[in-house]
């Protein structure tokens, strides 16, 4: 009888060992990436399927709708199976989520980063996030449409020349069959191009005057708000869509550009793949806005996309996530897909970029132009801040009075100090 019991016990132990060795989903761990970039969703779903086929590890990618990432992240973190990879855009966001962010110092992933400039440290000095793409933004141009209008990209070297070309095209839109700028909608899918990107021209130049911001300043002066206004006015008043129709959105600015309805499209390097299919020689020019010496301006370059690994996930899920991220940045096929989607991945073994807009950025730099760095990353309490700016811009778009522009200035300048207090005090 004792021998029978012993045999059964040994059999049970062997079964358990076999189950552990077989590596069920629980022992392997799994990955859940809460994605910030809607335009990359298709590529990330492909990457997830590739990795599962290769390793058997489950990778779930959920993409937050544009403008809803913070709310989605908060909601998902409260669930029983929260994201193991989440994204922050700046130091204040890392500080907000620091208790969840695994310390990545000393990891293989950190060792793969091509420069410490792509690492993000929280207020306590913890390496909590690593940039996974490098991008640029400015004004995308269709050189063929400019030529049809009797102009060229080379003649645009500052705001005065940009204004002359744009206003000429807009004045002749009926005969040309296309307009100057594509639509500048203020809905959630588009407003960030202005409240998060174009406004950087004010921040960048003010930061430069201050010697370069290294952390979020408690207040800003709005020294270059008139320059922002000039460029913004040029966009909305020389466009396919009237300013009064921008509030609710519904216009596809990318498609307008791709189908030859507009010569200029305010956006960034992530658009290269989609745009170049229809406009293979599309190029990007800086945010010319009338600042002295802007003939030597380059593109706005930087990153607002940092990976965090959820340090509160199970050990198995954390390991699975770190293994997956290492595969993403070192595997030739995987990194090729991701680089083509993101533009550049700043990792030593990642595929080289084929993004023409990032090549434009490099060309400006090689020609001695200054890079307009992303001071916009310092925006405090970013969602609330931008929402107030959108609201003010909608009032201004409906009636371009000086009084209404003053509301925009108030939302941008005074709103900064208000949101800084909300975050840091």
Protein backbone atom coordinates (compact mmCIF):
# COMPACT_ATOMS: atom_id res chain seq x y z
CA UNK A 1 0.00 0.00 0.00
CA UNK A 2 2.84 2.36 0.94
CA UNK A 3 4.52 1.62 -2.37
CA UNK A 4 1.29 2.49 -4.22
CA UNK A 5 0.92 5.81 -2.37
CA UNK A 6 4.55 6.65 -3.05
CA UNK A 7 4.12 5.86 -6.73
CA UNK A 8 1.05 8.09 -6.96
CA UNK A 9 2.88 10.92 -5.22
CA UNK A 10 5.84 10.62 -7.57
CA UNK A 11 3.49 10.59 -10.56
CA UNK A 12 1.81 13.77 -9.33
CA UNK A 13 5.16 15.50 -8.88
CA UNK A 14 6.24 14.46 -12.38
CA UNK A 15 3.00 15.83 -13.85
CA UNK A 16 3.55 19.16 -12.15
CA UNK A 17 7.11 19.28 -13.40
CA UNK A 18 5.99 18.49 -16.92
CA UNK A 19 3.36 21.24 -16.81
CA UNK A 20 5.92 23.76 -15.62
CA UNK A 21 8.40 22.65 -18.26
CA UNK A 22 5.83 22.89 -21.02
CA UNK A 23 5.58 26.61 -20.26
CA UNK A 24 1.88 27.35 -20.22
CA UNK A 25 0.81 30.96 -20.78
CA UNK A 26 0.92 31.65 -17.05
CA UNK A 27 4.55 30.48 -16.66
CA UNK A 28 5.68 32.25 -19.81
CA UNK A 29 3.99 35.47 -18.96
CA UNK A 30 2.25 37.71 -21.46
CA UNK A 31 2.53 41.22 -22.88
CA UNK A 32 -0.07 43.98 -23.03
CA UNK A 33 0.98 47.12 -24.91
CA UNK A 34 -1.33 50.11 -24.50
CA UNK A 35 -0.42 51.95 -27.70
CA UNK A 36 -0.35 55.74 -27.96
CA UNK A 37 -0.03 56.01 -31.76
CA UNK A 38 -3.24 55.20 -33.69
CA UNK A 39 -1.41 55.48 -37.01
CA UNK A 40 0.80 52.52 -36.01
CA UNK A 41 -1.94 50.17 -34.84
CA UNK A 42 -1.93 47.96 -37.94
CA UNK A 43 1.84 47.50 -37.77
CA UNK A 44 1.77 46.74 -34.05
CA UNK A 45 -0.93 44.13 -34.49
CA UNK A 46 1.29 42.50 -37.11
CA UNK A 47 4.27 42.59 -34.75
CA UNK A 48 2.20 41.02 -31.98
CA UNK A 49 1.13 38.15 -34.25
CA UNK A 50 4.72 37.61 -35.43
CA UNK A 51 6.02 37.36 -31.89
CA UNK A 52 3.32 34.94 -30.78
CA UNK A 53 4.03 32.70 -33.76
CA UNK A 54 7.74 32.81 -33.00
CA UNK A 55 7.64 32.33 -29.21
CA UNK A 56 4.11 31.31 -28.24
CA UNK A 57 3.90 34.36 -25.95
CA UNK A 58 0.62 36.25 -26.10
CA UNK A 59 1.01 39.94 -27.04
CA UNK A 60 -2.06 42.11 -26.83
CA UNK A 61 -2.00 45.58 -28.40
CA UNK A 62 -4.76 48.00 -27.52
CA UNK A 63 -4.72 51.40 -29.21
CA UNK A 64 -6.24 54.34 -27.40
CA UNK A 65 -8.32 56.70 -29.52
CA UNK A 66 -6.58 59.95 -30.41
CA UNK A 67 -6.69 62.41 -27.54
CA UNK A 68 -7.86 59.84 -24.97
CA UNK A 69 -4.64 58.11 -23.92
CA UNK A 70 -4.44 59.40 -20.36
CA UNK A 71 -8.05 58.49 -19.60
CA UNK A 72 -7.61 55.07 -21.21
CA UNK A 73 -4.41 54.40 -19.28
CA UNK A 74 -6.04 55.32 -15.98
CA UNK A 75 -8.96 53.03 -16.74
CA UNK A 76 -6.80 50.11 -17.90
CA UNK A 77 -4.45 50.32 -14.91
CA UNK A 78 -7.42 49.70 -12.61
CA UNK A 79 -8.20 46.38 -14.28
CA UNK A 80 -7.05 42.96 -13.11
CA UNK A 81 -4.78 42.54 -16.16
CA UNK A 82 -3.33 46.03 -16.73
CA UNK A 83 -0.89 47.06 -19.48
CA UNK A 84 2.65 45.77 -19.11
CA UNK A 85 3.86 48.43 -21.58
CA UNK A 86 2.50 51.94 -21.32
CA UNK A 87 3.59 55.23 -22.84
CA UNK A 88 4.46 58.61 -21.34
CA UNK A 89 5.25 61.76 -23.30
CA UNK A 90 7.29 63.83 -20.87
CA UNK A 91 8.86 63.93 -17.41
CA UNK A 92 5.72 65.15 -15.63
CA UNK A 93 3.80 62.17 -17.03
CA UNK A 94 6.54 59.82 -15.87
CA UNK A 95 6.35 61.40 -12.42
CA UNK A 96 2.59 60.81 -12.41
CA UNK A 97 3.09 57.10 -13.12
CA UNK A 98 6.47 56.63 -11.48
CA UNK A 99 5.23 54.12 -8.89
CA UNK A 100 4.22 51.83 -11.77
CA UNK A 101 7.30 52.39 -13.93
CA UNK A 102 9.94 49.67 -13.57
CA UNK A 103 13.49 50.96 -13.06
CA UNK A 104 15.11 50.17 -16.40
CA UNK A 105 18.66 51.05 -15.34
CA UNK A 106 21.06 48.20 -16.01
CA UNK A 107 18.66 46.30 -18.25
CA UNK A 108 19.52 44.93 -21.68
CA UNK A 109 16.98 47.32 -23.19
CA UNK A 110 18.70 50.35 -21.66
CA UNK A 111 22.04 49.09 -23.00
CA UNK A 112 20.59 48.98 -26.52
CA UNK A 113 19.68 52.70 -26.56
CA UNK A 114 21.99 54.63 -28.88
CA UNK A 115 22.25 57.66 -26.56
CA UNK A 116 21.31 58.51 -22.99
CA UNK A 117 19.48 61.50 -24.49
CA UNK A 118 16.65 59.07 -25.28
CA UNK A 119 16.23 58.02 -21.65
CA UNK A 120 13.73 59.70 -19.33
CA UNK A 121 14.39 59.94 -15.60
CA UNK A 122 11.80 60.76 -12.96
CA UNK A 123 12.23 63.36 -10.21
CA UNK A 124 14.01 60.80 -8.02
CA UNK A 125 16.54 59.97 -10.73
CA UNK A 126 15.00 56.62 -11.69
CA UNK A 127 15.31 55.55 -15.32
CA UNK A 128 11.60 54.98 -15.77
CA UNK A 129 11.11 55.38 -19.51
CA UNK A 130 12.99 54.94 -22.78
CA UNK A 131 12.17 56.67 -26.05
CA UNK A 132 11.15 54.29 -28.81
CA UNK A 133 10.99 56.69 -31.73
CA UNK A 134 12.49 59.95 -32.95
CA UNK A 135 10.28 62.21 -35.00
CA UNK A 136 10.05 65.59 -36.66
CA UNK A 137 7.21 67.87 -37.61
CA UNK A 138 6.67 70.95 -39.73
CA UNK A 139 4.82 71.70 -42.97
CA UNK A 140 4.62 68.91 -45.56
CA UNK A 141 4.76 70.21 -49.13
CA UNK A 142 3.75 68.82 -52.53
CA UNK A 143 6.45 70.22 -54.87
CA UNK A 144 4.47 69.26 -57.98
CA UNK A 145 1.51 71.42 -56.99
CA UNK A 146 3.83 74.32 -56.24
CA UNK A 147 5.32 73.94 -59.72
CA UNK A 148 1.84 73.92 -61.27
CA UNK A 149 1.22 77.23 -59.52
CA UNK A 150 4.49 78.67 -60.81
CA UNK A 151 6.40 78.32 -57.54
CA UNK A 152 9.04 76.05 -56.01
CA UNK A 153 10.04 74.81 -52.59
CA UNK A 154 13.40 76.57 -52.94
CA UNK A 155 11.79 80.01 -52.96
CA UNK A 156 10.30 79.43 -49.48
CA UNK A 157 12.98 80.46 -47.00
CA UNK A 158 11.06 82.46 -44.38
CA UNK A 159 7.55 83.50 -43.39
CA UNK A 160 7.30 86.29 -45.96
CA UNK A 161 8.01 83.93 -48.85
CA UNK A 162 5.74 81.19 -47.44
CA UNK A 163 2.94 83.74 -47.08
CA UNK A 164 3.40 85.00 -50.62
CA UNK A 165 3.19 81.49 -52.09
CA UNK A 166 0.26 80.35 -49.93
CA UNK A 167 -1.83 83.46 -50.54
CA UNK A 168 -1.18 83.31 -54.29
CA UNK A 169 -2.30 79.68 -54.47
CA UNK A 170 -5.39 80.38 -52.35
CA UNK A 171 -6.34 83.35 -54.53
CA UNK A 172 -6.15 81.16 -57.65
CA UNK A 173 -7.56 77.96 -56.11
CA UNK A 174 -10.50 77.96 -58.51
CA UNK A 175 -8.34 77.95 -61.63
CA UNK A 176 -5.61 75.73 -60.17
CA UNK A 177 -7.96 73.04 -58.88
CA UNK A 178 -6.26 72.92 -55.47
CA UNK A 179 -5.78 75.18 -52.47
CA UNK A 180 -2.82 76.11 -50.28
CA UNK A 181 -3.42 74.34 -46.94
CA UNK A 182 -5.41 71.25 -46.11
CA UNK A 183 -7.98 71.55 -43.32
CA UNK A 184 -6.98 72.53 -39.78
CA UNK A 185 -9.77 70.84 -37.83
CA UNK A 186 -10.08 71.40 -34.09
CA UNK A 187 -11.57 68.02 -33.15
CA UNK A 188 -9.55 65.49 -31.17
CA UNK A 189 -8.12 63.78 -34.25
CA UNK A 190 -6.49 66.96 -35.52
CA UNK A 191 -6.22 69.79 -32.98
CA UNK A 192 -2.98 68.40 -31.52
CA UNK A 193 -1.23 69.44 -34.74
CA UNK A 194 -1.61 73.02 -33.56
CA UNK A 195 -1.99 72.90 -29.76
CA UNK A 196 0.75 70.31 -29.35
CA UNK A 197 2.96 70.91 -32.36
CA UNK A 198 2.73 74.31 -34.03
CA UNK A 199 2.61 76.08 -30.66
CA UNK A 200 6.11 74.66 -30.12
CA UNK A 201 7.47 77.56 -32.14
CA UNK A 202 6.54 79.91 -29.28
CA UNK A 203 7.93 77.57 -26.63
CA UNK A 204 11.11 76.76 -28.54
CA UNK A 205 12.14 80.35 -29.17
CA UNK A 206 11.24 81.41 -25.64
CA UNK A 207 13.21 78.46 -24.26
CA UNK A 208 16.15 79.46 -26.45
CA UNK A 209 15.98 83.00 -25.08
CA UNK A 210 16.03 81.54 -21.55
CA UNK A 211 19.08 79.41 -22.26
CA UNK A 212 17.14 76.20 -22.85
CA UNK A 213 14.54 74.67 -20.54
CA UNK A 214 15.63 71.56 -18.69
CA UNK A 215 12.40 71.21 -16.72
CA UNK A 216 8.89 72.65 -16.88
CA UNK A 217 9.00 76.38 -16.08
CA UNK A 218 6.32 77.64 -13.66
CA UNK A 219 5.20 80.21 -16.21
CA UNK A 220 5.84 81.38 -19.76
CA UNK A 221 5.86 84.85 -21.27
CA UNK A 222 4.35 84.19 -24.70
CA UNK A 223 7.06 86.26 -26.34
CA UNK A 224 6.43 84.70 -29.75
CA UNK A 225 2.65 84.47 -29.65
CA UNK A 226 2.37 86.97 -32.51
CA UNK A 227 4.55 84.69 -34.63
CA UNK A 228 2.33 81.74 -33.79
CA UNK A 229 -0.71 83.82 -34.72
CA UNK A 230 0.76 84.79 -38.09
CA UNK A 231 1.43 81.20 -39.11
CA UNK A 232 -1.86 79.90 -37.69
CA UNK A 233 -3.80 82.63 -39.52
CA UNK A 234 -2.02 81.75 -42.75
CA UNK A 235 -3.07 78.11 -42.38
CA UNK A 236 -6.75 78.66 -41.59
CA UNK A 237 -7.35 81.55 -43.99
CA UNK A 238 -5.73 79.99 -47.05
CA UNK A 239 -7.31 76.57 -46.88
CA UNK A 240 -9.88 74.25 -48.40
CA UNK A 241 -12.06 74.70 -45.30
CA UNK A 242 -13.34 77.98 -43.89
CA UNK A 243 -12.22 78.75 -40.30
CA UNK A 244 -15.83 78.77 -39.10
CA UNK A 245 -16.16 75.09 -40.08
CA UNK A 246 -13.19 73.76 -38.13
CA UNK A 247 -14.68 73.22 -34.68
CA UNK A 248 -16.49 69.94 -35.26
CA UNK A 249 -13.93 68.35 -37.58
CA UNK A 250 -14.92 65.86 -40.23
CA UNK A 251 -12.35 66.91 -42.82
CA UNK A 252 -9.58 64.47 -43.75
CA UNK A 253 -6.50 66.68 -44.03
CA UNK A 254 -4.22 63.77 -44.92
CA UNK A 255 -6.47 62.61 -47.76
CA UNK A 256 -6.86 66.18 -49.03
CA UNK A 257 -3.09 66.35 -49.38
CA UNK A 258 -2.70 62.85 -50.83
CA UNK A 259 -5.36 63.47 -53.49
CA UNK A 260 -3.81 66.73 -54.65
CA UNK A 261 -6.40 69.09 -53.19
CA UNK A 262 -3.88 71.02 -51.10
CA UNK A 263 -0.21 71.94 -51.48
CA UNK A 264 0.59 72.17 -47.75
CA UNK A 265 -0.20 69.79 -44.89
CA UNK A 266 0.74 70.58 -41.28
CA UNK A 267 1.99 67.31 -39.77
CA UNK A 268 4.98 65.12 -38.96
CA UNK A 269 7.36 62.38 -40.04
CA UNK A 270 4.92 59.61 -39.07
CA UNK A 271 2.93 60.60 -42.16
CA UNK A 272 5.74 59.76 -44.57
CA UNK A 273 4.68 56.22 -45.38
CA UNK A 274 1.06 57.17 -46.06
CA UNK A 275 1.80 60.40 -47.91
CA UNK A 276 4.67 59.17 -50.07
CA UNK A 277 2.47 56.52 -51.69
CA UNK A 278 0.57 59.30 -53.47
CA UNK A 279 3.13 62.12 -53.37
CA UNK A 280 6.50 60.34 -53.65
CA UNK A 281 8.51 63.56 -53.72
CA UNK A 282 6.73 65.17 -50.74
CA UNK A 283 9.10 67.16 -48.55
CA UNK A 284 8.92 69.01 -45.26
CA UNK A 285 9.77 72.62 -44.47
CA UNK A 286 10.07 74.38 -41.08
CA UNK A 287 7.47 76.42 -39.24
CA UNK A 288 8.44 79.74 -40.74
CA UNK A 289 6.79 82.41 -38.61
CA UNK A 290 8.71 85.66 -38.99
CA UNK A 291 11.36 85.24 -36.27
CA UNK A 292 14.60 87.02 -37.06
CA UNK A 293 17.17 84.66 -38.58
CA UNK A 294 14.63 81.93 -39.34
CA UNK A 295 16.24 81.37 -42.73
CA UNK A 296 18.52 79.06 -40.74
CA UNK A 297 15.65 77.26 -39.00
CA UNK A 298 15.34 73.51 -39.29
CA UNK A 299 12.52 71.14 -38.46
CA UNK A 300 11.01 70.48 -35.03
CA UNK A 301 12.75 67.29 -33.88
CA UNK A 302 12.44 65.17 -30.76
CA UNK A 303 10.27 62.57 -29.16
CA UNK A 304 7.15 62.47 -27.05
CA UNK A 305 6.89 58.69 -26.95
CA UNK A 306 8.58 56.76 -24.16
CA UNK A 307 8.08 53.12 -23.19
CA UNK A 308 7.44 52.30 -19.54
CA UNK A 309 7.30 48.76 -18.23
CA UNK A 310 4.73 48.13 -15.52
CA UNK A 311 6.74 47.21 -12.45
CA UNK A 312 3.57 46.10 -10.66
CA UNK A 313 2.89 43.39 -13.22
CA UNK A 314 3.81 39.82 -12.31
CA UNK A 315 7.47 38.83 -12.58
CA UNK A 316 6.58 36.53 -15.47
CA UNK A 317 4.79 39.31 -17.34
CA UNK A 318 7.62 41.77 -16.70
CA UNK A 319 10.16 39.29 -18.07
CA UNK A 320 7.97 38.51 -21.07
CA UNK A 321 7.63 42.23 -21.72
CA UNK A 322 11.36 42.92 -21.50
CA UNK A 323 12.06 39.97 -23.83
CA UNK A 324 9.47 41.26 -26.29
CA UNK A 325 10.88 44.80 -26.30
CA UNK A 326 14.40 43.49 -26.85
CA UNK A 327 13.14 41.50 -29.82
CA UNK A 328 11.42 44.62 -31.19
CA UNK A 329 14.64 46.64 -31.23
CA UNK A 330 17.12 43.92 -32.27
CA UNK A 331 15.28 41.58 -34.65
CA UNK A 332 15.90 42.63 -38.25
CA UNK A 333 12.39 41.97 -39.54
CA UNK A 334 10.57 43.33 -36.50
CA UNK A 335 12.62 46.50 -36.24
CA UNK A 336 12.22 47.09 -39.98
CA UNK A 337 8.44 47.12 -39.61
CA UNK A 338 8.57 49.35 -36.54
CA UNK A 339 11.11 51.78 -37.99
CA UNK A 340 9.02 52.14 -41.13
CA UNK A 341 6.04 52.90 -38.90
CA UNK A 342 7.76 55.17 -36.36
CA UNK A 343 10.40 56.80 -38.57
CA UNK A 344 13.46 56.13 -36.43
CA UNK A 345 14.08 53.89 -33.43
CA UNK A 346 17.08 55.11 -31.40
CA UNK A 347 18.53 51.66 -30.68
CA UNK A 348 21.91 50.29 -31.74
CA UNK A 349 20.68 47.27 -33.70
CA UNK A 350 17.40 48.68 -35.05
CA UNK A 351 16.90 48.97 -38.80
CA UNK A 352 17.97 52.21 -40.44
CA UNK A 353 15.36 54.81 -41.26
CA UNK A 354 13.99 55.19 -44.78
CA UNK A 355 11.79 58.14 -43.77
CA UNK A 356 12.18 61.00 -46.23
CA UNK A 357 10.97 63.66 -43.79
CA UNK A 358 13.61 62.66 -41.26
CA UNK A 359 16.10 62.84 -44.12
CA UNK A 360 14.87 66.40 -44.68
CA UNK A 361 15.57 67.12 -41.00
CA UNK A 362 19.11 65.76 -41.39
CA UNK A 363 19.62 67.86 -44.53
CA UNK A 364 18.65 71.06 -42.73
CA UNK A 365 21.07 70.22 -39.92
CA UNK A 366 23.85 69.42 -42.40
CA UNK A 367 23.25 72.83 -43.98
CA UNK A 368 23.93 74.51 -40.63
CA UNK A 369 20.31 75.08 -39.62
CA UNK A 370 19.27 74.90 -35.97
CA UNK A 371 16.95 72.15 -34.75
CA UNK A 372 13.72 73.36 -33.15
CA UNK A 373 13.65 71.02 -30.17
CA UNK A 374 10.39 69.83 -28.63
CA UNK A 375 9.83 72.27 -25.79
CA UNK A 376 6.16 71.33 -26.14
CA UNK A 377 6.97 68.25 -24.03
CA UNK A 378 6.99 70.53 -20.99
CA UNK A 379 3.29 71.43 -21.32
CA UNK A 380 1.87 70.96 -17.80
CA UNK A 381 -1.27 68.91 -17.24
CA UNK A 382 -1.29 68.49 -20.98
CA UNK A 383 -4.85 67.30 -21.67
CA UNK A 384 -6.55 70.03 -19.65
CA UNK A 385 -4.12 72.64 -20.96
CA UNK A 386 -4.69 71.78 -24.62
CA UNK A 387 -8.46 71.49 -24.17
CA UNK A 388 -8.57 75.11 -22.97
CA UNK A 389 -6.47 76.22 -25.94
CA UNK A 390 -8.77 74.38 -28.38
CA UNK A 391 -11.78 76.08 -26.83
CA UNK A 392 -10.19 79.50 -27.25
CA UNK A 393 -9.10 78.76 -30.82
CA UNK A 394 -12.64 77.72 -31.73
CA UNK A 395 -13.93 81.09 -30.51
CA UNK A 396 -11.22 82.84 -32.50
CA UNK A 397 -11.87 80.77 -35.63
CA UNK A 398 -15.50 81.84 -35.62
CA UNK A 399 -14.59 85.52 -35.25
CA UNK A 400 -10.97 86.57 -35.77
CA UNK A 401 -11.08 89.66 -33.59
CA UNK A 402 -8.20 90.98 -31.49
CA UNK A 403 -10.29 90.36 -28.37
CA UNK A 404 -10.78 86.73 -29.28
CA UNK A 405 -7.09 86.26 -30.01
CA UNK A 406 -6.41 87.66 -26.56
CA UNK A 407 -8.42 84.73 -25.22
CA UNK A 408 -6.10 82.38 -27.10
CA UNK A 409 -3.08 84.14 -25.61
CA UNK A 410 -4.62 83.85 -22.14
CA UNK A 411 -5.31 80.13 -22.60
CA UNK A 412 -1.72 79.50 -23.72
CA UNK A 413 0.21 81.81 -21.42
CA UNK A 414 -1.91 82.14 -18.27
CA UNK A 415 -3.17 78.59 -18.72
CA UNK A 416 0.41 77.33 -18.45
CA UNK A 417 0.83 78.84 -14.98
CA UNK A 418 -2.59 77.56 -13.90
CA UNK A 419 -1.88 74.00 -14.96
CA UNK A 420 1.63 74.12 -13.52
CA UNK A 421 0.10 74.93 -10.15
CA UNK A 422 -2.35 72.07 -10.57
CA UNK A 423 0.46 69.59 -11.23
CA UNK A 424 3.32 70.75 -9.04
CA UNK A 425 1.64 72.39 -6.03
